[in-house]
PDB file of N, CA and C in Angstrom:
ATOM      1  N   MET A   1      96.831  42.796  84.402  1.00  0.00           N
ATOM      2  CA  MET A   1      98.006  42.802  83.566  1.00  0.00           C
ATOM      3  C   MET A   1      99.026  43.775  84.155  1.00  0.00           C
ATOM      4  N   HIS A   2     100.224  43.333  84.265  1.00  0.00           N
ATOM      5  CA  HIS A   2     101.299  44.146  84.837  1.00  0.00           C
ATOM      6  C   HIS A   2     102.037  44.878  83.722  1.00  0.00           C
ATOM      7  N   SER A   3     102.312  46.135  83.944  1.00  0.00           N
ATOM      8  CA  SER A   3     103.037  46.942  82.964  1.00  0.00           C
ATOM      9  C   SER A   3     104.452  47.196  83.462  1.00  0.00           C
ATOM     10  N   SER A   4     105.399  47.182  82.548  1.00  0.00           N
ATOM     11  CA  SER A   4     106.779  47.466  82.930  1.00  0.00           C
ATOM     12  C   SER A   4     107.073  48.969  82.922  1.00  0.00           C
ATOM     13  N   PHE A   5     106.102  49.758  82.471  1.00  0.00           N
ATOM     14  CA  PHE A   5     106.276  51.210  82.452  1.00  0.00           C
ATOM     15  C   PHE A   5     106.039  51.789  83.836  1.00  0.00           C
ATOM     16  N   LYS A   6     106.876  52.719  84.212  1.00  0.00           N
ATOM     17  CA  LYS A   6     106.677  53.407  85.483  1.00  0.00           C
ATOM     18  C   LYS A   6     105.559  54.422  85.304  1.00  0.00           C
ATOM     19  N   SER A   7     104.804  54.628  86.357  1.00  0.00           N
ATOM     20  CA  SER A   7     103.736  55.622  86.274  1.00  0.00           C
ATOM     21  C   SER A   7     104.354  57.014  86.188  1.00  0.00           C
ATOM     22  N   MET A   8     103.651  57.887  85.490  1.00  0.00           N
ATOM     23  CA  MET A   8     104.136  59.257  85.321  1.00  0.00           C
ATOM     24  C   MET A   8     103.569  60.145  86.416  1.00  0.00           C
ATOM     25  N   ASN A   9     104.377  61.033  86.897  1.00  0.00           N
ATOM     26  CA  ASN A   9     103.953  61.983  87.916  1.00  0.00           C
ATOM     27  C   ASN A   9     103.593  63.293  87.217  1.00  0.00           C
ATOM     28  N   PHE A  10     102.318  63.647  87.241  1.00  0.00           N
ATOM     29  CA  PHE A  10     101.856  64.870  86.605  1.00  0.00           C
ATOM     30  C   PHE A  10     101.731  66.028  87.590  1.00  0.00           C
ATOM     31  N   ASP A  11     102.235  65.846  88.790  1.00  0.00           N
ATOM     32  CA  ASP A  11     102.214  66.915  89.783  1.00  0.00           C
ATOM     33  C   ASP A  11     103.278  67.939  89.407  1.00  0.00           C
ATOM     34  N   LEU A  12     102.843  69.117  89.008  1.00  0.00           N
ATOM     35  CA  LEU A  12     103.774  70.150  88.569  1.00  0.00           C
ATOM     36  C   LEU A  12     104.140  71.118  89.685  1.00  0.00           C
ATOM     37  N   GLY A  13     103.608  70.893  90.853  1.00  0.00           N
ATOM     38  CA  GLY A  13     103.975  71.715  91.995  1.00  0.00           C
ATOM     39  C   GLY A  13     102.938  72.766  92.345  1.00  0.00           C
ATOM     40  N   GLN A  14     103.098  73.291  93.536  1.00  0.00           N
ATOM     41  CA  GLN A  14     102.148  74.250  94.084  1.00  0.00           C
ATOM     42  C   GLN A  14     102.112  75.550  93.284  1.00  0.00           C
ATOM     43  N   ASP A  15     103.258  76.010  92.788  1.00  0.00           N
ATOM     44  CA  ASP A  15     103.284  77.257  92.012  1.00  0.00           C
ATOM     45  C   ASP A  15     102.434  77.137  90.751  1.00  0.00           C
ATOM     46  N   ILE A  16     102.555  76.017  90.059  1.00  0.00           N
ATOM     47  CA  ILE A  16     101.780  75.803  88.837  1.00  0.00           C
ATOM     48  C   ILE A  16     100.299  75.666  89.178  1.00  0.00           C
ATOM     49  N   ASP A  17      99.991  74.984  90.271  1.00  0.00           N
ATOM     50  CA  ASP A  17      98.591  74.867  90.702  1.00  0.00           C
ATOM     51  C   ASP A  17      97.996  76.240  90.985  1.00  0.00           C
ATOM     52  N   MET A  18      98.756  77.095  91.651  1.00  0.00           N
ATOM     53  CA  MET A  18      98.264  78.440  91.971  1.00  0.00           C
ATOM     54  C   MET A  18      98.092  79.267  90.703  1.00  0.00           C
ATOM     55  N   LEU A  19      99.023  79.148  89.768  1.00  0.00           N
ATOM     56  CA  LEU A  19      98.921  79.865  88.499  1.00  0.00           C
ATOM     57  C   LEU A  19      97.693  79.408  87.728  1.00  0.00           C
ATOM     58  N   ARG A  20      97.505  78.095  87.633  1.00  0.00           N
ATOM     59  CA  ARG A  20      96.354  77.546  86.922  1.00  0.00           C
ATOM     60  C   ARG A  20      95.051  78.035  87.548  1.00  0.00           C
ATOM     61  N   ASP A  21      94.975  78.031  88.864  1.00  0.00           N
ATOM     62  CA  ASP A  21      93.762  78.480  89.547  1.00  0.00           C
ATOM     63  C   ASP A  21      93.508  79.970  89.319  1.00  0.00           C
ATOM     64  N   ALA A  22      94.564  80.774  89.346  1.00  0.00           N
ATOM     65  CA  ALA A  22      94.415  82.214  89.120  1.00  0.00           C
ATOM     66  C   ALA A  22      93.935  82.495  87.702  1.00  0.00           C
ATOM     67  N   VAL A  23      94.499  81.787  86.728  1.00  0.00           N
ATOM     68  CA  VAL A  23      94.086  81.976  85.332  1.00  0.00           C
ATOM     69  C   VAL A  23      92.643  81.521  85.152  1.00  0.00           C
ATOM     70  N   TYR A  24      92.283  80.415  85.774  1.00  0.00           N
ATOM     71  CA  TYR A  24      90.906  79.922  85.685  1.00  0.00           C
ATOM     72  C   TYR A  24      89.924  80.943  86.269  1.00  0.00           C
ATOM     73  N   GLN A  25      90.230  81.461  87.450  1.00  0.00           N
ATOM     74  CA  GLN A  25      89.352  82.440  88.090  1.00  0.00           C
ATOM     75  C   GLN A  25      89.229  83.701  87.234  1.00  0.00           C
ATOM     76  N   PHE A  26      90.342  84.146  86.662  1.00  0.00           N
ATOM     77  CA  PHE A  26      90.322  85.318  85.795  1.00  0.00           C
ATOM     78  C   PHE A  26      89.447  85.055  84.576  1.00  0.00           C
ATOM     79  N   ALA A  27      89.638  83.914  83.956  1.00  0.00           N
ATOM     80  CA  ALA A  27      88.855  83.583  82.762  1.00  0.00           C
ATOM     81  C   ALA A  27      87.368  83.502  83.083  1.00  0.00           C
ATOM     82  N   GLN A  28      87.027  82.902  84.200  1.00  0.00           N
ATOM     83  CA  GLN A  28      85.619  82.785  84.580  1.00  0.00           C
ATOM     84  C   GLN A  28      85.004  84.138  84.924  1.00  0.00           C
ATOM     85  N   GLY A  29      85.759  84.967  85.619  1.00  0.00           N
ATOM     86  CA  GLY A  29      85.221  86.243  86.081  1.00  0.00           C
ATOM     87  C   GLY A  29      85.264  87.365  85.066  1.00  0.00           C
ATOM     88  N   GLU A  30      86.293  87.373  84.219  1.00  0.00           N
ATOM     89  CA  GLU A  30      86.500  88.503  83.314  1.00  0.00           C
ATOM     90  C   GLU A  30      86.229  88.185  81.842  1.00  0.00           C
ATOM     91  N   ILE A  31      86.573  86.986  81.415  1.00  0.00           N
ATOM     92  CA  ILE A  31      86.450  86.659  79.993  1.00  0.00           C
ATOM     93  C   ILE A  31      85.124  85.981  79.675  1.00  0.00           C
ATOM     94  N   ALA A  32      84.753  84.974  80.445  1.00  0.00           N
ATOM     95  CA  ALA A  32      83.540  84.205  80.147  1.00  0.00           C
ATOM     96  C   ALA A  32      82.290  85.072  80.000  1.00  0.00           C
ATOM     97  N   PRO A  33      82.065  86.048  80.896  1.00  0.00           N
ATOM     98  CA  PRO A  33      80.858  86.860  80.741  1.00  0.00           C
ATOM     99  C   PRO A  33      80.836  87.695  79.454  1.00  0.00           C
ATOM    100  N   ARG A  34      82.001  87.915  78.860  1.00  0.00           N
ATOM    101  CA  ARG A  34      82.103  88.751  77.659  1.00  0.00           C
ATOM    102  C   ARG A  34      82.454  87.946  76.410  1.00  0.00           C
ATOM    103  N   ALA A  35      82.610  86.648  76.553  1.00  0.00           N
ATOM    104  CA  ALA A  35      83.122  85.825  75.459  1.00  0.00           C
ATOM    105  C   ALA A  35      82.276  85.918  74.197  1.00  0.00           C
ATOM    106  N   GLU A  36      80.969  85.884  74.335  1.00  0.00           N
ATOM    107  CA  GLU A  36      80.111  85.950  73.151  1.00  0.00           C
ATOM    108  C   GLU A  36      80.321  87.264  72.397  1.00  0.00           C
ATOM    109  N   GLN A  37      80.360  88.375  73.124  1.00  0.00           N
ATOM    110  CA  GLN A  37      80.556  89.667  72.463  1.00  0.00           C
ATOM    111  C   GLN A  37      81.960  89.780  71.868  1.00  0.00           C
ATOM    112  N   ILE A  38      82.949  89.226  72.547  1.00  0.00           N
ATOM    113  CA  ILE A  38      84.311  89.211  72.009  1.00  0.00           C
ATOM    114  C   ILE A  38      84.331  88.456  70.684  1.00  0.00           C
ATOM    115  N   ASP A  39      83.629  87.326  70.627  1.00  0.00           N
ATOM    116  CA  ASP A  39      83.548  86.558  69.380  1.00  0.00           C
ATOM    117  C   ASP A  39      82.821  87.333  68.290  1.00  0.00           C
ATOM    118  N   ILE A  40      81.720  87.960  68.645  1.00  0.00           N
ATOM    119  CA  ILE A  40      80.939  88.724  67.658  1.00  0.00           C
ATOM    120  C   ILE A  40      81.778  89.867  67.095  1.00  0.00           C
ATOM    121  N   ASP A  41      82.453  90.597  67.976  1.00  0.00           N
ATOM    122  CA  ASP A  41      83.272  91.739  67.565  1.00  0.00           C
ATOM    123  C   ASP A  41      84.585  91.311  66.909  1.00  0.00           C
ATOM    124  N   ASN A  42      84.975  90.056  67.135  1.00  0.00           N
ATOM    125  CA  ASN A  42      86.265  89.545  66.653  1.00  0.00           C
ATOM    126  C   ASN A  42      87.406  90.458  67.109  1.00  0.00           C
ATOM    127  N   ASN A  43      87.317  90.855  68.388  1.00  0.00           N
ATOM    128  CA  ASN A  43      88.296  91.781  68.951  1.00  0.00           C
ATOM    129  C   ASN A  43      88.469  91.464  70.436  1.00  0.00           C
ATOM    130  N   PHE A  44      89.701  91.138  70.821  1.00  0.00           N
ATOM    131  CA  PHE A  44      89.976  90.875  72.228  1.00  0.00           C
ATOM    132  C   PHE A  44      90.311  92.204  72.899  1.00  0.00           C
ATOM    133  N   PRO A  45      89.560  92.610  73.921  1.00  0.00           N
ATOM    134  CA  PRO A  45      89.718  93.929  74.538  1.00  0.00           C
ATOM    135  C   PRO A  45      91.119  94.185  75.101  1.00  0.00           C
ATOM    136  N   ALA A  46      91.632  95.363  74.811  1.00  0.00           N
ATOM    137  CA  ALA A  46      92.974  95.753  75.266  1.00  0.00           C
ATOM    138  C   ALA A  46      93.090  95.709  76.785  1.00  0.00           C
ATOM    139  N   GLU A  47      92.022  96.062  77.494  1.00  0.00           N
ATOM    140  CA  GLU A  47      92.119  96.075  78.958  1.00  0.00           C
ATOM    141  C   GLU A  47      92.325  94.672  79.523  1.00  0.00           C
ATOM    142  N   LEU A  48      91.853  93.655  78.814  1.00  0.00           N
ATOM    143  CA  LEU A  48      92.109  92.289  79.270  1.00  0.00           C
ATOM    144  C   LEU A  48      93.578  91.924  79.059  1.00  0.00           C
ATOM    145  N   TRP A  49      94.174  92.377  77.950  1.00  0.00           N
ATOM    146  CA  TRP A  49      95.611  92.165  77.736  1.00  0.00           C
ATOM    147  C   TRP A  49      96.404  92.834  78.848  1.00  0.00           C
ATOM    148  N   GLU A  50      95.986  94.034  79.238  1.00  0.00           N
ATOM    149  CA  GLU A  50      96.677  94.746  80.314  1.00  0.00           C
ATOM    150  C   GLU A  50      96.585  93.966  81.618  1.00  0.00           C
ATOM    151  N   GLN A  51      95.427  93.372  81.870  1.00  0.00           N
ATOM    152  CA  GLN A  51      95.264  92.569  83.083  1.00  0.00           C
ATOM    153  C   GLN A  51      96.123  91.307  83.016  1.00  0.00           C
ATOM    154  N   PHE A  52      96.230  90.700  81.827  1.00  0.00           N
ATOM    155  CA  PHE A  52      97.139  89.563  81.659  1.00  0.00           C
ATOM    156  C   PHE A  52      98.557  89.973  82.045  1.00  0.00           C
ATOM    157  N   GLY A  53      98.974  91.148  81.566  1.00  0.00           N
ATOM    158  CA  GLY A  53     100.311  91.643  81.885  1.00  0.00           C
ATOM    159  C   GLY A  53     100.498  91.863  83.369  1.00  0.00           C
ATOM    160  N   ALA A  54      99.499  92.451  84.014  1.00  0.00           N
ATOM    161  CA  ALA A  54      99.572  92.703  85.455  1.00  0.00           C
ATOM    162  C   ALA A  54      99.679  91.401  86.242  1.00  0.00           C
ATOM    163  N   MET A  55      99.100  90.334  85.696  1.00  0.00           N
ATOM    164  CA  MET A  55      99.162  89.025  86.346  1.00  0.00           C
ATOM    165  C   MET A  55     100.460  88.287  86.015  1.00  0.00           C
ATOM    166  N   GLY A  56     101.254  88.849  85.114  1.00  0.00           N
ATOM    167  CA  GLY A  56     102.506  88.206  84.728  1.00  0.00           C
ATOM    168  C   GLY A  56     102.335  87.090  83.719  1.00  0.00           C
ATOM    169  N   LEU A  57     101.235  87.120  82.964  1.00  0.00           N
ATOM    170  CA  LEU A  57     100.926  86.025  82.048  1.00  0.00           C
ATOM    171  C   LEU A  57     101.451  86.216  80.634  1.00  0.00           C
ATOM    172  N   LEU A  58     101.944  87.392  80.313  1.00  0.00           N
ATOM    173  CA  LEU A  58     102.368  87.624  78.936  1.00  0.00           C
ATOM    174  C   LEU A  58     103.782  87.129  78.671  1.00  0.00           C
ATOM    175  N   GLY A  59     104.579  87.065  79.688  1.00  0.00           N
ATOM    176  CA  GLY A  59     105.916  86.518  79.557  1.00  0.00           C
ATOM    177  C   GLY A  59     106.727  87.134  78.448  1.00  0.00           C
ATOM    178  N   MET A  60     107.535  86.320  77.829  1.00  0.00           N
ATOM    179  CA  MET A  60     108.465  86.808  76.818  1.00  0.00           C
ATOM    180  C   MET A  60     107.829  86.961  75.450  1.00  0.00           C
ATOM    181  N   THR A  61     106.583  86.606  75.286  1.00  0.00           N
ATOM    182  CA  THR A  61     105.957  86.693  73.971  1.00  0.00           C
ATOM    183  C   THR A  61     105.494  88.100  73.635  1.00  0.00           C
ATOM    184  N   VAL A  62     105.481  88.977  74.622  1.00  0.00           N
ATOM    185  CA  VAL A  62     105.009  90.347  74.418  1.00  0.00           C
ATOM    186  C   VAL A  62     106.087  91.307  74.911  1.00  0.00           C
ATOM    187  N   GLU A  63     106.359  92.328  74.126  1.00  0.00           N
ATOM    188  CA  GLU A  63     107.375  93.299  74.519  1.00  0.00           C
ATOM    189  C   GLU A  63     106.992  94.012  75.816  1.00  0.00           C
ATOM    190  N   GLU A  64     107.996  94.425  76.568  1.00  0.00           N
ATOM    191  CA  GLU A  64     107.787  95.044  77.876  1.00  0.00           C
ATOM    192  C   GLU A  64     106.893  96.276  77.804  1.00  0.00           C
ATOM    193  N   GLU A  65     107.016  97.074  76.754  1.00  0.00           N
ATOM    194  CA  GLU A  65     106.202  98.287  76.641  1.00  0.00           C
ATOM    195  C   GLU A  65     104.714  97.974  76.562  1.00  0.00           C
ATOM    196  N   TYR A  66     104.364  96.724  76.219  1.00  0.00           N
ATOM    197  CA  TYR A  66     102.966  96.313  76.145  1.00  0.00           C
ATOM    198  C   TYR A  66     102.564  95.428  77.317  1.00  0.00           C
ATOM    199  N   GLY A  67     103.428  95.315  78.317  1.00  0.00           N
ATOM    200  CA  GLY A  67     103.101  94.566  79.523  1.00  0.00           C
ATOM    201  C   GLY A  67     103.796  93.230  79.650  1.00  0.00           C
ATOM    202  N   GLY A  68     104.621  92.857  78.669  1.00  0.00           N
ATOM    203  CA  GLY A  68     105.345  91.591  78.727  1.00  0.00           C
ATOM    204  C   GLY A  68     106.659  91.732  79.477  1.00  0.00           C
ATOM    205  N   THR A  69     107.488  90.730  79.358  1.00  0.00           N
ATOM    206  CA  THR A  69     108.768  90.726  80.062  1.00  0.00           C
ATOM    207  C   THR A  69     109.923  90.552  79.098  1.00  0.00           C
ATOM    208  N   ASP A  70     109.808  91.135  77.914  1.00  0.00           N
ATOM    209  CA  ASP A  70     110.813  90.996  76.857  1.00  0.00           C
ATOM    210  C   ASP A  70     112.200  91.301  77.344  1.00  0.00           C
TER     211      ASP A  70
END
């Protein structure tokens, strides 16, 4: 069956691929080993937020004094 819809290009570019891979590696290496305890404590460790900031992941949602880019 032929479709009249054009296929969508989901390639977001090399920068997005690198960002996704960096976040994945961080999550696997830093968060996953502690995830159960984080859930039990119901507290996300401040040092992980700081690492998010150092990676540039907090963006405009977090004020600069806390590591964001407000």
